[in-house]
Amino acid sequence: MGIIDNINKVFDHRVRLGIMSALVVNESIDFSTLKELLGVTDGNLASHLKSLEKAAYITIEKQFIGRKPNTKYSITKLGKLEFTKHINALEKLINKQ
């Protein structure tokens, strides 16, 4: 098994890497906070969140706070496992140089 076998293509975009990095250290984060943190547009963030949801790496919880809709995102156990494997593979690759 090679060093790059655990590098996950789902995380190869900086926005997805940012989303996962934020979620791995927070129980959940809402859409607005993620958007501000990553400095991306609504559409850009939404498409990357959809990809991570499709891979079952994040969950989405929609609710209303007062009359305002609020969407929160959380990392799944699978997402945390796969992201950790990805980061460890990157570290091994860097340290091998």
Protein backbone atom coordinates (compact mmCIF):
# COMPACT_ATOMS: atom_id res chain seq x y z
CA MET A 1 0.00 0.00 0.00
CA GLY A 2 1.45 3.35 -1.07
CA ILE A 3 1.55 6.59 0.85
CA ILE A 4 -1.01 8.24 -1.40
CA ASP A 5 -3.61 5.44 -1.13
CA ASN A 6 -5.38 7.26 1.72
CA ILE A 7 -5.43 10.63 -0.02
CA ASN A 8 -9.13 11.16 -0.64
CA LYS A 9 -10.21 12.89 -3.87
CA VAL A 10 -13.33 14.24 -2.14
CA PHE A 11 -11.08 16.51 -0.07
CA ASP A 12 -8.88 17.74 -2.92
CA HIS A 13 -10.56 21.15 -3.17
CA ARG A 14 -9.58 23.91 -0.74
CA VAL A 15 -13.22 24.70 0.13
CA ARG A 16 -13.99 21.09 1.08
CA LEU A 17 -10.75 20.91 3.03
CA GLY A 18 -11.80 24.09 4.85
CA ILE A 19 -15.30 22.80 5.57
CA MET A 20 -13.98 19.54 6.99
CA SER A 21 -11.26 21.30 9.00
CA ALA A 22 -13.87 23.56 10.59
CA LEU A 23 -16.28 20.72 11.31
CA VAL A 24 -13.70 18.39 12.80
CA VAL A 25 -13.06 20.89 15.64
CA ASN A 26 -16.67 22.14 16.08
CA GLU A 27 -19.77 20.17 16.98
CA SER A 28 -21.69 21.99 14.25
CA ILE A 29 -21.46 25.18 12.19
CA ASP A 30 -24.20 27.11 10.40
CA PHE A 31 -24.11 28.09 6.73
CA SER A 32 -23.44 31.80 7.33
CA THR A 33 -20.50 31.11 9.63
CA LEU A 34 -18.95 28.68 7.13
CA LYS A 35 -19.45 31.16 4.31
CA GLU A 36 -17.77 33.95 6.27
CA LEU A 37 -14.97 31.70 7.55
CA LEU A 38 -14.09 30.41 4.08
CA GLY A 39 -14.79 33.61 2.12
CA VAL A 40 -16.87 31.94 -0.58
CA THR A 41 -20.18 32.62 -2.32
CA ASP A 42 -23.46 30.95 -1.35
CA GLY A 43 -23.50 28.85 -4.52
CA ASN A 44 -19.89 27.77 -4.22
CA LEU A 45 -20.30 26.72 -0.59
CA ALA A 46 -23.60 24.96 -1.28
CA SER A 47 -22.12 22.85 -4.09
CA HIS A 48 -19.19 21.72 -1.93
CA LEU A 49 -21.48 20.96 1.01
CA LYS A 50 -23.66 18.88 -1.31
CA SER A 51 -20.64 16.84 -2.42
CA LEU A 52 -19.62 16.16 1.17
CA GLU A 53 -23.21 15.23 2.09
CA LYS A 54 -23.43 12.87 -0.90
CA ALA A 55 -20.28 11.11 0.34
CA ALA A 56 -21.94 10.83 3.80
CA TYR A 57 -19.12 12.85 5.41
CA ILE A 58 -21.43 15.55 6.81
CA THR A 59 -25.02 15.80 7.98
CA ILE A 60 -27.36 18.73 7.51
CA GLU A 61 -29.92 19.93 10.05
CA LYS A 62 -32.47 22.52 8.97
CA GLN A 63 -34.52 24.39 11.54
CA PHE A 64 -36.11 27.73 12.20
CA ILE A 65 -34.83 30.14 14.81
CA GLY A 66 -37.78 32.41 15.34
CA ARG A 67 -38.94 32.96 11.77
CA LYS A 68 -35.50 32.70 10.20
CA PRO A 69 -34.33 29.47 8.60
CA ASN A 70 -31.07 28.09 9.97
CA THR A 71 -29.01 25.29 8.44
CA LYS A 72 -26.33 23.60 10.53
CA TYR A 73 -23.70 21.14 9.39
CA SER A 74 -21.94 18.42 11.40
CA ILE A 75 -19.27 15.89 10.55
CA THR A 76 -20.26 12.20 10.57
CA LYS A 77 -18.19 9.40 12.11
CA LEU A 78 -17.31 8.27 8.59
CA GLY A 79 -16.38 11.83 7.64
CA LYS A 80 -14.09 12.19 10.65
CA LEU A 81 -12.46 8.83 9.95
CA GLU A 82 -11.88 9.55 6.25
CA PHE A 83 -10.68 13.10 6.88
CA THR A 84 -8.23 11.89 9.54
CA LYS A 85 -6.89 9.24 7.14
CA HIS A 86 -6.53 11.93 4.45
CA ILE A 87 -4.62 14.32 6.76
CA ASN A 88 -2.38 11.51 8.03
CA ALA A 89 -1.55 10.50 4.44
CA LEU A 90 -0.67 14.12 3.57
CA GLU A 91 1.57 14.34 6.65
CA LYS A 92 3.35 11.11 5.71
CA LEU A 93 3.83 12.37 2.19
CA ILE A 94 5.28 15.67 3.41
CA ASN A 95 7.55 14.03 5.97
CA LYS A 96 8.87 11.53 3.42
CA GLN A 97 10.49 14.37 1.42
